[in-house]
PDB file of N, CA and C in Angstrom:
ATOM      1  N   MET A   1       1.021   3.305 105.290  1.00  0.00           N
ATOM      2  CA  MET A   1       2.243   3.014 105.824  1.00  0.00           C
ATOM      3  C   MET A   1       2.512   1.758 105.466  1.00  0.00           C
ATOM      4  N   SER A   2       2.688   1.223 104.625  1.00  0.00           N
ATOM      5  CA  SER A   2       2.889  -0.448 104.419  1.00  0.00           C
ATOM      6  C   SER A   2       3.617  -0.822 105.143  1.00  0.00           C
ATOM      7  N   GLY A   3       5.111  -0.845 105.680  1.00  0.00           N
ATOM      8  CA  GLY A   3       5.812  -1.813 106.191  1.00  0.00           C
ATOM      9  C   GLY A   3       6.602  -2.627 105.725  1.00  0.00           C
ATOM     10  N   HIS A   4       6.616  -2.690 104.302  1.00  0.00           N
ATOM     11  CA  HIS A   4       7.494  -3.300 103.602  1.00  0.00           C
ATOM     12  C   HIS A   4       8.551  -2.637 103.192  1.00  0.00           C
ATOM     13  N   THR A   5      10.062  -2.645 102.738  1.00  0.00           N
ATOM     14  CA  THR A   5      10.774  -1.906 102.070  1.00  0.00           C
ATOM     15  C   THR A   5      11.052  -2.826 101.133  1.00  0.00           C
ATOM     16  N   ILE A   6      10.510  -2.514 100.059  1.00  0.00           N
ATOM     17  CA  ILE A   6      10.931  -3.199  98.525  1.00  0.00           C
ATOM     18  C   ILE A   6      11.747  -2.603  97.768  1.00  0.00           C
ATOM     19  N   GLU A   7      12.538  -3.661  97.082  1.00  0.00           N
ATOM     20  CA  GLU A   7      13.473  -3.238  96.239  1.00  0.00           C
ATOM     21  C   GLU A   7      14.191  -3.896  95.019  1.00  0.00           C
ATOM     22  N   LEU A   8      14.521  -3.368  94.066  1.00  0.00           N
ATOM     23  CA  LEU A   8      14.352  -4.278  92.667  1.00  0.00           C
ATOM     24  C   LEU A   8      15.716  -4.192  92.360  1.00  0.00           C
ATOM     25  N   ILE A   9      16.464  -5.191  91.778  1.00  0.00           N
ATOM     26  CA  ILE A   9      18.268  -4.886  92.062  1.00  0.00           C
ATOM     27  C   ILE A   9      18.197  -5.228  90.422  1.00  0.00           C
ATOM     28  N   TYR A  10      18.919  -4.298  89.606  1.00  0.00           N
ATOM     29  CA  TYR A  10      19.110  -4.941  88.399  1.00  0.00           C
ATOM     30  C   TYR A  10      20.569  -4.056  87.525  1.00  0.00           C
ATOM     31  N   PHE A  11      20.819  -4.181  86.655  1.00  0.00           N
ATOM     32  CA  PHE A  11      21.274  -3.784  85.751  1.00  0.00           C
ATOM     33  C   PHE A  11      21.012  -3.411  84.147  1.00  0.00           C
ATOM     34  N   GLU A  12      21.054  -2.200  83.754  1.00  0.00           N
ATOM     35  CA  GLU A  12      20.719  -2.032  82.327  1.00  0.00           C
ATOM     36  C   GLU A  12      21.038  -2.833  81.311  1.00  0.00           C
ATOM     37  N   GLY A  13      20.598  -3.670  80.461  1.00  0.00           N
ATOM     38  CA  GLY A  13      20.871  -4.037  79.157  1.00  0.00           C
ATOM     39  C   GLY A  13      20.132  -5.761  79.732  1.00  0.00           C
ATOM     40  N   CYS A  14      19.833  -6.164  80.724  1.00  0.00           N
ATOM     41  CA  CYS A  14      19.175  -7.649  81.233  1.00  0.00           C
ATOM     42  C   CYS A  14      17.437  -7.182  80.658  1.00  0.00           C
ATOM     43  N   PRO A  15      17.374  -8.440  79.899  1.00  0.00           N
ATOM     44  CA  PRO A  15      15.992  -8.304  79.102  1.00  0.00           C
ATOM     45  C   PRO A  15      15.212  -8.745  80.489  1.00  0.00           C
ATOM     46  N   ASN A  16      14.913  -9.245  81.461  1.00  0.00           N
ATOM     47  CA  ASN A  16      13.825  -9.295  82.529  1.00  0.00           C
ATOM     48  C   ASN A  16      13.664  -8.429  83.358  1.00  0.00           C
ATOM     49  N   VAL A  17      14.626  -6.803  82.911  1.00  0.00           N
ATOM     50  CA  VAL A  17      13.947  -6.166  83.864  1.00  0.00           C
ATOM     51  C   VAL A  17      12.659  -5.620  84.208  1.00  0.00           C
ATOM     52  N   ASP A  18      12.000  -5.074  82.439  1.00  0.00           N
ATOM     53  CA  ASP A  18      10.915  -4.437  82.257  1.00  0.00           C
ATOM     54  C   ASP A  18      10.096  -5.757  82.759  1.00  0.00           C
ATOM     55  N   ALA A  19      10.100  -6.290  82.825  1.00  0.00           N
ATOM     56  CA  ALA A  19       9.146  -7.534  83.265  1.00  0.00           C
ATOM     57  C   ALA A  19       9.082  -7.503  84.349  1.00  0.00           C
ATOM     58  N   ALA A  20       9.736  -7.487  85.371  1.00  0.00           N
ATOM     59  CA  ALA A  20      10.337  -7.431  86.671  1.00  0.00           C
ATOM     60  C   ALA A  20       9.452  -5.893  86.873  1.00  0.00           C
ATOM     61  N   ARG A  21       9.436  -5.305  86.463  1.00  0.00           N
ATOM     62  CA  ARG A  21       9.306  -3.847  86.947  1.00  0.00           C
ATOM     63  C   ARG A  21       7.657  -3.803  86.938  1.00  0.00           C
ATOM     64  N   ARG A  22       7.232  -4.650  86.075  1.00  0.00           N
ATOM     65  CA  ARG A  22       6.032  -4.634  85.658  1.00  0.00           C
ATOM     66  C   ARG A  22       5.465  -6.101  86.821  1.00  0.00           C
ATOM     67  N   HIS A  23       5.596  -6.523  86.912  1.00  0.00           N
ATOM     68  CA  HIS A  23       5.111  -7.764  88.417  1.00  0.00           C
ATOM     69  C   HIS A  23       5.122  -6.667  89.394  1.00  0.00           C
ATOM     70  N   LEU A  24       6.102  -6.283  89.479  1.00  0.00           N
ATOM     71  CA  LEU A  24       5.990  -5.147  91.024  1.00  0.00           C
ATOM     72  C   LEU A  24       4.608  -4.014  90.761  1.00  0.00           C
ATOM     73  N   GLY A  25       4.261  -3.765  89.904  1.00  0.00           N
ATOM     74  CA  GLY A  25       3.192  -2.877  90.127  1.00  0.00           C
ATOM     75  C   GLY A  25       1.991  -3.877  89.538  1.00  0.00           C
ATOM     76  N   GLU A  26       1.620  -4.671  89.137  1.00  0.00           N
ATOM     77  CA  GLU A  26       0.687  -5.764  89.411  1.00  0.00           C
ATOM     78  C   GLU A  26       0.907  -6.685  90.913  1.00  0.00           C
ATOM     79  N   ALA A  27       1.616  -6.933  91.113  1.00  0.00           N
ATOM     80  CA  ALA A  27       1.354  -7.438  92.528  1.00  0.00           C
ATOM     81  C   ALA A  27       1.277  -5.740  93.751  1.00  0.00           C
ATOM     82  N   ILE A  28       1.664  -5.325  93.934  1.00  0.00           N
ATOM     83  CA  ILE A  28       1.786  -3.743  94.418  1.00  0.00           C
ATOM     84  C   ILE A  28      -0.203  -3.126  94.342  1.00  0.00           C
ATOM     85  N   ALA A  29      -0.601  -3.343  93.202  1.00  0.00           N
ATOM     86  CA  ALA A  29      -2.019  -3.111  92.750  1.00  0.00           C
ATOM     87  C   ALA A  29      -3.045  -4.528  93.380  1.00  0.00           C
ATOM     88  N   SER A  30      -2.328  -5.482  93.217  1.00  0.00           N
ATOM     89  CA  SER A  30      -3.289  -6.411  93.560  1.00  0.00           C
ATOM     90  C   SER A  30      -3.179  -6.453  95.369  1.00  0.00           C
ATOM     91  N   SER A  31      -2.756  -6.489  95.586  1.00  0.00           N
ATOM     92  CA  SER A  31      -2.358  -5.953  97.443  1.00  0.00           C
ATOM     93  C   SER A  31      -3.078  -4.863  97.399  1.00  0.00           C
ATOM     94  N   GLY A  32      -3.482  -4.188  96.566  1.00  0.00           N
ATOM     95  CA  GLY A  32      -4.354  -3.040  97.254  1.00  0.00           C
ATOM     96  C   GLY A  32      -3.687  -1.246  98.583  1.00  0.00           C
ATOM     97  N   ARG A  33      -2.817  -1.982  97.869  1.00  0.00           N
ATOM     98  CA  ARG A  33      -1.847  -1.149  98.992  1.00  0.00           C
ATOM     99  C   ARG A  33      -0.744  -0.063  98.099  1.00  0.00           C
ATOM    100  N   SER A  34      -0.987   0.947  98.893  1.00  0.00           N
ATOM    101  CA  SER A  34       0.203   2.122  98.122  1.00  0.00           C
ATOM    102  C   SER A  34       1.924   2.048  98.485  1.00  0.00           C
ATOM    103  N   ILE A  35       2.374   1.088  97.645  1.00  0.00           N
ATOM    104  CA  ILE A  35       3.752   0.613  98.075  1.00  0.00           C
ATOM    105  C   ILE A  35       4.940   1.227  97.247  1.00  0.00           C
ATOM    106  N   THR A  36       5.952   2.142  97.547  1.00  0.00           N
ATOM    107  CA  THR A  36       6.632   2.154  96.085  1.00  0.00           C
ATOM    108  C   THR A  36       7.830   1.465  96.689  1.00  0.00           C
ATOM    109  N   TRP A  37       8.727   1.240  95.900  1.00  0.00           N
ATOM    110  CA  TRP A  37      10.097   0.387  95.528  1.00  0.00           C
ATOM    111  C   TRP A  37      11.107   1.224  95.358  1.00  0.00           C
ATOM    112  N   THR A  38      12.182   0.669  95.563  1.00  0.00           N
ATOM    113  CA  THR A  38      13.723   1.309  95.313  1.00  0.00           C
ATOM    114  C   THR A  38      14.079   0.366  94.122  1.00  0.00           C
ATOM    115  N   GLU A  39      15.259   1.405  93.416  1.00  0.00           N
ATOM    116  CA  GLU A  39      15.833   1.043  92.154  1.00  0.00           C
ATOM    117  C   GLU A  39      17.109   0.666  92.722  1.00  0.00           C
ATOM    118  N   TRP A  40      18.049  -0.194  92.298  1.00  0.00           N
ATOM    119  CA  TRP A  40      19.368  -0.118  92.656  1.00  0.00           C
ATOM    120  C   TRP A  40      20.037  -1.158  90.982  1.00  0.00           C
ATOM    121  N   ASP A  41      20.700  -0.102  90.312  1.00  0.00           N
ATOM    122  CA  ASP A  41      21.317  -0.274  89.639  1.00  0.00           C
ATOM    123  C   ASP A  41      22.483  -0.873  89.362  1.00  0.00           C
ATOM    124  N   THR A  42      22.795  -2.502  89.405  1.00  0.00           N
ATOM    125  CA  THR A  42      23.584  -3.061  90.052  1.00  0.00           C
ATOM    126  C   THR A  42      25.712  -2.539  89.136  1.00  0.00           C
ATOM    127  N   ASP A  43      25.106  -1.239  87.897  1.00  0.00           N
ATOM    128  CA  ASP A  43      26.412  -0.984  87.258  1.00  0.00           C
ATOM    129  C   ASP A  43      26.677   0.517  88.039  1.00  0.00           C
ATOM    130  N   SER A  44      25.685   1.294  88.701  1.00  0.00           N
ATOM    131  CA  SER A  44      26.341   2.492  89.160  1.00  0.00           C
ATOM    132  C   SER A  44      27.259   2.373  89.953  1.00  0.00           C
ATOM    133  N   ALA A  45      27.942   3.640  90.581  1.00  0.00           N
ATOM    134  CA  ALA A  45      28.614   3.389  91.607  1.00  0.00           C
ATOM    135  C   ALA A  45      27.766   4.317  93.107  1.00  0.00           C
ATOM    136  N   ALA A  46      26.695   4.512  92.432  1.00  0.00           N
ATOM    137  CA  ALA A  46      26.185   5.199  94.046  1.00  0.00           C
ATOM    138  C   ALA A  46      25.490   3.937  94.506  1.00  0.00           C
ATOM    139  N   THR A  47      25.149   2.496  93.430  1.00  0.00           N
ATOM    140  CA  THR A  47      24.731   1.044  94.077  1.00  0.00           C
ATOM    141  C   THR A  47      25.630   0.804  95.404  1.00  0.00           C
ATOM    142  N   PRO A  48      25.121   0.741  96.891  1.00  0.00           N
ATOM    143  CA  PRO A  48      26.081   0.463  97.968  1.00  0.00           C
ATOM    144  C   PRO A  48      26.496  -1.320  97.280  1.00  0.00           C
ATOM    145  N   GLU A  49      27.625  -1.703  97.568  1.00  0.00           N
ATOM    146  CA  GLU A  49      27.980  -2.809  97.398  1.00  0.00           C
ATOM    147  C   GLU A  49      27.347  -4.317  97.899  1.00  0.00           C
ATOM    148  N   ARG A  50      26.811  -4.214  98.862  1.00  0.00           N
ATOM    149  CA  ARG A  50      25.471  -5.000  99.498  1.00  0.00           C
ATOM    150  C   ARG A  50      24.495  -5.713  98.301  1.00  0.00           C
ATOM    151  N   TYR A  51      24.457  -4.893  96.902  1.00  0.00           N
ATOM    152  CA  TYR A  51      23.153  -5.145  96.230  1.00  0.00           C
ATOM    153  C   TYR A  51      24.034  -5.737  94.974  1.00  0.00           C
ATOM    154  N   ARG A  52      25.585  -5.686  94.697  1.00  0.00           N
ATOM    155  CA  ARG A  52      26.089  -6.243  93.873  1.00  0.00           C
ATOM    156  C   ARG A  52      26.790  -7.179  93.763  1.00  0.00           C
ATOM    157  N   ARG A  53      25.944  -7.943  94.812  1.00  0.00           N
ATOM    158  CA  ARG A  53      25.584  -9.788  94.793  1.00  0.00           C
ATOM    159  C   ARG A  53      24.888 -10.310  94.138  1.00  0.00           C
ATOM    160  N   TYR A  54      23.633  -9.534  94.042  1.00  0.00           N
ATOM    161  CA  TYR A  54      22.383 -10.173  92.973  1.00  0.00           C
ATOM    162  C   TYR A  54      21.996 -10.416  91.591  1.00  0.00           C
ATOM    163  N   GLY A  55      21.694 -11.282  91.454  1.00  0.00           N
ATOM    164  CA  GLY A  55      21.280 -11.323  90.122  1.00  0.00           C
ATOM    165  C   GLY A  55      20.692 -10.490  89.182  1.00  0.00           C
ATOM    166  N   SER A  56      20.930 -10.019  87.948  1.00  0.00           N
ATOM    167  CA  SER A  56      19.264  -8.999  87.647  1.00  0.00           C
ATOM    168  C   SER A  56      18.010  -9.854  86.479  1.00  0.00           C
ATOM    169  N   PRO A  57      16.830  -9.462  87.503  1.00  0.00           N
ATOM    170  CA  PRO A  57      16.516  -8.840  88.260  1.00  0.00           C
ATOM    171  C   PRO A  57      16.143  -9.573  89.277  1.00  0.00           C
ATOM    172  N   THR A  58      16.381  -8.399  90.719  1.00  0.00           N
ATOM    173  CA  THR A  58      16.331  -9.827  91.945  1.00  0.00           C
ATOM    174  C   THR A  58      15.263  -8.690  92.362  1.00  0.00           C
ATOM    175  N   VAL A  59      14.158  -8.921  93.241  1.00  0.00           N
ATOM    176  CA  VAL A  59      13.294  -8.183  93.969  1.00  0.00           C
ATOM    177  C   VAL A  59      13.125  -9.009  95.446  1.00  0.00           C
ATOM    178  N   LEU A  60      13.779  -7.594  96.412  1.00  0.00           N
ATOM    179  CA  LEU A  60      13.846  -7.720  97.703  1.00  0.00           C
ATOM    180  C   LEU A  60      12.902  -7.191  98.040  1.00  0.00           C
ATOM    181  N   VAL A  61      12.069  -7.781  99.543  1.00  0.00           N
ATOM    182  CA  VAL A  61      11.569  -7.869 100.211  1.00  0.00           C
ATOM    183  C   VAL A  61      11.493  -8.079 101.523  1.00  0.00           C
ATOM    184  N   ASN A  62      11.767  -6.737 102.353  1.00  0.00           N
ATOM    185  CA  ASN A  62      12.350  -6.414 103.986  1.00  0.00           C
ATOM    186  C   ASN A  62      13.672  -7.633 103.685  1.00  0.00           C
ATOM    187  N   GLY A  63      14.066  -6.923 102.619  1.00  0.00           N
ATOM    188  CA  GLY A  63      15.863  -7.418 102.418  1.00  0.00           C
ATOM    189  C   GLY A  63      15.875  -9.228 102.386  1.00  0.00           C
ATOM    190  N   GLN A  64      14.875  -9.727 101.627  1.00  0.00           N
ATOM    191  CA  GLN A  64      14.167 -11.386 101.324  1.00  0.00           C
ATOM    192  C   GLN A  64      14.108 -11.219  99.642  1.00  0.00           C
ATOM    193  N   ASP A  65      14.999 -12.450  98.954  1.00  0.00           N
ATOM    194  CA  ASP A  65      14.901 -12.206  97.796  1.00  0.00           C
ATOM    195  C   ASP A  65      13.296 -13.182  97.497  1.00  0.00           C
ATOM    196  N   VAL A  66      12.407 -11.931  96.767  1.00  0.00           N
ATOM    197  CA  VAL A  66      11.225 -13.202  97.331  1.00  0.00           C
ATOM    198  C   VAL A  66      11.097 -14.654  95.960  1.00  0.00           C
ATOM    199  N   THR A  67      12.104 -14.971  95.701  1.00  0.00           N
ATOM    200  CA  THR A  67      12.135 -16.406  95.052  1.00  0.00           C
ATOM    201  C   THR A  67      12.496 -17.119  96.275  1.00  0.00           C
ATOM    202  N   GLY A  68      13.004 -16.846  97.244  1.00  0.00           N
ATOM    203  CA  GLY A  68      13.931 -17.721  98.179  1.00  0.00           C
ATOM    204  C   GLY A  68      14.963 -18.382  97.827  1.00  0.00           C
ATOM    205  N   SER A  69      14.933 -17.679  96.137  1.00  0.00           N
ATOM    206  CA  SER A  69      16.530 -18.759  95.790  1.00  0.00           C
ATOM    207  C   SER A  69      17.938 -18.092  96.150  1.00  0.00           C
ATOM    208  N   GLY A  70      17.463 -16.558  96.981  1.00  0.00           N
ATOM    209  CA  GLY A  70      18.849 -16.089  97.063  1.00  0.00           C
ATOM    210  C   GLY A  70      19.096 -14.918  96.208  1.00  0.00           C
ATOM    211  N   GLY A  71      19.216 -15.469  94.977  1.00  0.00           N
ATOM    212  CA  GLY A  71      19.538 -14.766  93.778  1.00  0.00           C
ATOM    213  C   GLY A  71      21.201 -14.211  93.277  1.00  0.00           C
ATOM    214  N   GLU A  72      22.431 -15.066  93.956  1.00  0.00           N
ATOM    215  CA  GLU A  72      23.818 -14.265  94.408  1.00  0.00           C
ATOM    216  C   GLU A  72      23.805 -14.598  93.441  1.00  0.00           C
ATOM    217  N   ALA A  73      25.152 -13.369  92.844  1.00  0.00           N
ATOM    218  CA  ALA A  73      25.552 -13.934  91.758  1.00  0.00           C
ATOM    219  C   ALA A  73      27.492 -13.917  91.472  1.00  0.00           C
ATOM    220  N   GLU A  74      28.052 -14.815  91.134  1.00  0.00           N
ATOM    221  CA  GLU A  74      29.256 -14.508  91.241  1.00  0.00           C
ATOM    222  C   GLU A  74      30.259 -12.944  90.305  1.00  0.00           C
ATOM    223  N   ALA A  75      28.884 -12.847  89.035  1.00  0.00           N
ATOM    224  CA  ALA A  75      29.602 -11.675  88.499  1.00  0.00           C
ATOM    225  C   ALA A  75      28.096 -11.132  87.840  1.00  0.00           C
ATOM    226  N   SER A  76      28.169  -9.789  87.372  1.00  0.00           N
ATOM    227  CA  SER A  76      27.043  -9.760  86.827  1.00  0.00           C
ATOM    228  C   SER A  76      26.515 -10.329  85.723  1.00  0.00           C
ATOM    229  N   ALA A  77      25.117 -10.911  85.967  1.00  0.00           N
ATOM    230  CA  ALA A  77      24.452 -11.743  85.229  1.00  0.00           C
ATOM    231  C   ALA A  77      22.970 -11.302  85.396  1.00  0.00           C
ATOM    232  N   CYS A  78      22.428 -11.690  84.584  1.00  0.00           N
ATOM    233  CA  CYS A  78      20.681 -12.084  84.303  1.00  0.00           C
ATOM    234  C   CYS A  78      20.900 -12.960  84.677  1.00  0.00           C
ATOM    235  N   ARG A  79      19.098 -13.361  85.690  1.00  0.00           N
ATOM    236  CA  ARG A  79      19.266 -14.661  86.484  1.00  0.00           C
ATOM    237  C   ARG A  79      18.764 -15.260  85.211  1.00  0.00           C
ATOM    238  N   ALA A  80      18.710 -16.597  85.731  1.00  0.00           N
ATOM    239  CA  ALA A  80      18.422 -17.921  84.894  1.00  0.00           C
ATOM    240  C   ALA A  80      16.561 -18.108  84.639  1.00  0.00           C
ATOM    241  N   ASP A  81      16.437 -17.305  86.459  1.00  0.00           N
ATOM    242  CA  ASP A  81      15.052 -17.945  86.126  1.00  0.00           C
ATOM    243  C   ASP A  81      14.067 -16.740  85.824  1.00  0.00           C
ATOM    244  N   GLY A  82      14.739 -15.844  85.522  1.00  0.00           N
ATOM    245  CA  GLY A  82      13.691 -14.608  85.042  1.00  0.00           C
ATOM    246  C   GLY A  82      13.754 -13.089  86.021  1.00  0.00           C
ATOM    247  N   ALA A  83      12.155 -12.654  85.671  1.00  0.00           N
ATOM    248  CA  ALA A  83      11.777 -12.288  86.495  1.00  0.00           C
ATOM    249  C   ALA A  83      10.709 -12.780  87.420  1.00  0.00           C
ATOM    250  N   PRO A  84      10.810 -12.255  88.680  1.00  0.00           N
ATOM    251  CA  PRO A  84      10.476 -12.641  89.441  1.00  0.00           C
ATOM    252  C   PRO A  84       8.136 -12.899  89.631  1.00  0.00           C
ATOM    253  N   PRO A  85       7.969 -13.761  89.266  1.00  0.00           N
ATOM    254  CA  PRO A  85       6.071 -13.757  89.110  1.00  0.00           C
ATOM    255  C   PRO A  85       5.264 -12.674  90.512  1.00  0.00           C
ATOM    256  N   VAL A  86       4.495 -12.361  89.336  1.00  0.00           N
ATOM    257  CA  VAL A  86       3.524 -11.486  90.575  1.00  0.00           C
ATOM    258  C   VAL A  86       3.369 -12.691  91.855  1.00  0.00           C
ATOM    259  N   SER A  87       2.670 -13.973  92.109  1.00  0.00           N
ATOM    260  CA  SER A  87       2.685 -14.698  92.591  1.00  0.00           C
ATOM    261  C   SER A  87       3.409 -14.365  94.195  1.00  0.00           C
ATOM    262  N   ALA A  88       4.868 -14.855  93.547  1.00  0.00           N
ATOM    263  CA  ALA A  88       5.678 -14.922  94.598  1.00  0.00           C
ATOM    264  C   ALA A  88       5.825 -13.126  95.501  1.00  0.00           C
ATOM    265  N   ILE A  89       6.384 -12.494  94.449  1.00  0.00           N
ATOM    266  CA  ILE A  89       5.836 -11.019  95.124  1.00  0.00           C
ATOM    267  C   ILE A  89       4.604 -11.150  95.642  1.00  0.00           C
ATOM    268  N   LEU A  90       3.151 -11.389  95.419  1.00  0.00           N
ATOM    269  CA  LEU A  90       2.346 -10.908  96.928  1.00  0.00           C
ATOM    270  C   LEU A  90       2.712 -12.086  97.915  1.00  0.00           C
ATOM    271  N   ALA A  91       3.005 -13.039  97.890  1.00  0.00           N
ATOM    272  CA  ALA A  91       3.097 -13.736  99.043  1.00  0.00           C
ATOM    273  C   ALA A  91       4.362 -13.085  99.832  1.00  0.00           C
ATOM    274  N   ALA A  92       5.001 -12.502  99.371  1.00  0.00           N
ATOM    275  CA  ALA A  92       6.532 -11.727 100.063  1.00  0.00           C
ATOM    276  C   ALA A  92       5.365 -10.544 100.930  1.00  0.00           C
ATOM    277  N   LEU A  93       5.437 -10.451 100.219  1.00  0.00           N
ATOM    278  CA  LEU A  93       3.881  -8.878 100.869  1.00  0.00           C
ATOM    279  C   LEU A  93       2.968  -9.494 102.250  1.00  0.00           C
ATOM    280  N   GLY A  94       2.746 -10.413 102.051  1.00  0.00           N
ATOM    281  CA  GLY A  94       1.700 -11.059 102.883  1.00  0.00           C
ATOM    282  C   GLY A  94       0.677 -10.653 102.847  1.00  0.00           C
TER     283      GLY A  94
END
């Protein structure tokens, strides 16, 4: 058991989503742990409201944005800082 809750928040059409998935996979592989993550599409009716305030893509580890920036958006938008880097995800995984 990893002890971490990892979530990827995104919406289809944002060009940085595939890179965020790759970075998550690379970070998890580098950590040597077997960890899975949950994905939340902000355009899906099934996505809880609390996730809709984040820009795409945002990676949360234990509820915290791995970039430390908060990633909150006023409307559905791609993040200006792009996909979170592998180093930031690894740091959040500790």
